[in-house]
Amino acid sequence: MPSHTELLRLAVDLAHANRQRGGRPFGAVLARDGEVIATGINDIVHTHDPSAHAEMQALRAGTWRQATPPERIAPAGLWRCCCLR
C-alpha cells in the first residue's frame, strides 16, 4: 500500500514528465484505500481544452475506470503538485 509520500512522489513525477514533454508542470493521483485509481496531468497545452487540469483528468479517468459518477468516487484522496524545476 503506497504511503502519502509515495503518492505525492508519483504526482511530482507525473508533473515533471509532463513538463519535459512541453506541457504544464502539474500532476495528480487519485487513490482510495492505498490503491491508485487514476492519474492525470495538465493537458491544456496539447488538447487546447481549458478544463484539462491534472485534477480533472484524474477524476475523469477515475470515474470512468470505476464506472461511477464523480460524487460517488469518495472517499478517495487526491494528491497533486506543481513541479517548477
Protein backbone atom coordinates (compact mmCIF):
# COMPACT_ATOMS: atom_id res chain seq x y z
CA MET A 1 0.00 0.00 0.00
CA PRO A 2 1.61 3.30 -1.06
CA SER A 3 2.17 5.92 1.62
CA HIS A 4 1.05 9.53 1.30
CA THR A 5 4.65 10.40 0.50
CA GLU A 6 4.81 7.82 -2.30
CA LEU A 7 1.53 9.06 -3.78
CA LEU A 8 2.79 12.64 -3.71
CA ARG A 9 6.08 11.49 -5.28
CA LEU A 10 4.08 9.91 -8.11
CA ALA A 11 2.26 13.23 -8.64
CA VAL A 12 5.63 15.04 -8.72
CA ASP A 13 7.00 12.53 -11.24
CA LEU A 14 3.92 12.97 -13.46
CA ALA A 15 4.28 16.76 -13.31
CA HIS A 16 7.97 16.60 -14.13
CA ALA A 17 7.45 14.24 -17.08
CA ASN A 18 4.64 16.42 -18.41
CA ARG A 19 6.86 19.48 -18.26
CA GLN A 20 9.61 17.60 -20.07
CA ARG A 21 7.20 16.89 -22.96
CA GLY A 22 6.23 20.56 -23.24
CA GLY A 23 3.13 20.54 -21.03
CA ARG A 24 2.39 22.44 -17.87
CA PRO A 25 4.09 21.21 -14.68
CA PHE A 26 1.09 19.68 -12.90
CA GLY A 27 0.33 16.07 -11.96
CA ALA A 28 -2.39 14.42 -9.88
CA VAL A 29 -3.02 10.99 -8.35
CA LEU A 30 -6.44 9.74 -7.24
CA ALA A 31 -6.27 6.92 -4.69
CA ARG A 32 -8.53 5.05 -2.28
CA ASP A 33 -7.51 2.57 0.41
CA GLY A 34 -3.94 2.58 -0.83
CA GLU A 35 -4.90 1.75 -4.42
CA VAL A 36 -4.16 4.20 -7.21
CA ILE A 37 -7.44 4.62 -9.06
CA ALA A 38 -6.20 7.04 -11.71
CA THR A 39 -3.61 9.67 -12.54
CA GLY A 40 -3.75 12.87 -14.53
CA ILE A 41 -1.56 15.57 -15.98
CA ASN A 42 -2.33 19.10 -17.04
CA ASP A 43 -3.03 18.59 -20.73
CA ILE A 44 -4.31 22.06 -21.65
CA VAL A 45 -1.36 22.75 -23.97
CA HIS A 46 -1.76 19.59 -26.04
CA THR A 47 -5.57 19.30 -26.10
CA HIS A 48 -6.45 23.03 -26.18
CA ASP A 49 -9.11 22.12 -23.60
CA PRO A 50 -9.21 24.70 -20.78
CA SER A 51 -10.74 22.12 -18.43
CA ALA A 52 -7.89 19.60 -18.85
CA HIS A 53 -6.30 20.33 -15.46
CA ALA A 54 -4.42 17.46 -13.83
CA GLU A 55 -7.01 17.04 -11.06
CA MET A 56 -9.88 16.97 -13.55
CA GLN A 57 -8.07 14.48 -15.76
CA ALA A 58 -7.52 12.17 -12.78
CA LEU A 59 -11.16 12.48 -11.68
CA ARG A 60 -12.40 11.83 -15.22
CA ALA A 61 -10.20 8.77 -15.56
CA GLY A 62 -11.15 7.55 -12.09
CA THR A 63 -14.88 7.86 -12.61
CA TRP A 64 -14.58 6.15 -15.99
CA ARG A 65 -12.48 3.33 -14.51
CA GLN A 66 -14.82 2.89 -11.55
CA ALA A 67 -17.93 3.34 -13.75
CA THR A 68 -19.44 5.68 -11.19
CA PRO A 69 -20.47 9.35 -11.07
CA PRO A 70 -17.89 11.76 -9.59
CA GLU A 71 -19.86 12.33 -6.38
CA ARG A 72 -19.66 8.59 -5.64
CA ILE A 73 -15.89 8.30 -6.07
CA ALA A 74 -15.45 9.39 -2.41
CA PRO A 75 -13.86 8.56 -0.11
CA ALA A 76 -10.80 8.97 -2.26
CA GLY A 77 -7.76 11.17 -1.82
CA LEU A 78 -6.32 13.41 -4.49
CA TRP A 79 -2.60 14.16 -4.40
CA ARG A 80 -1.47 16.92 -6.71
CA CYS A 81 1.61 19.00 -7.29
CA CYS A 82 3.27 21.63 -9.37
CA CYS A 83 6.87 20.92 -10.40
CA LEU A 84 8.78 24.08 -11.28
CA ARG A 85 12.23 22.55 -11.75
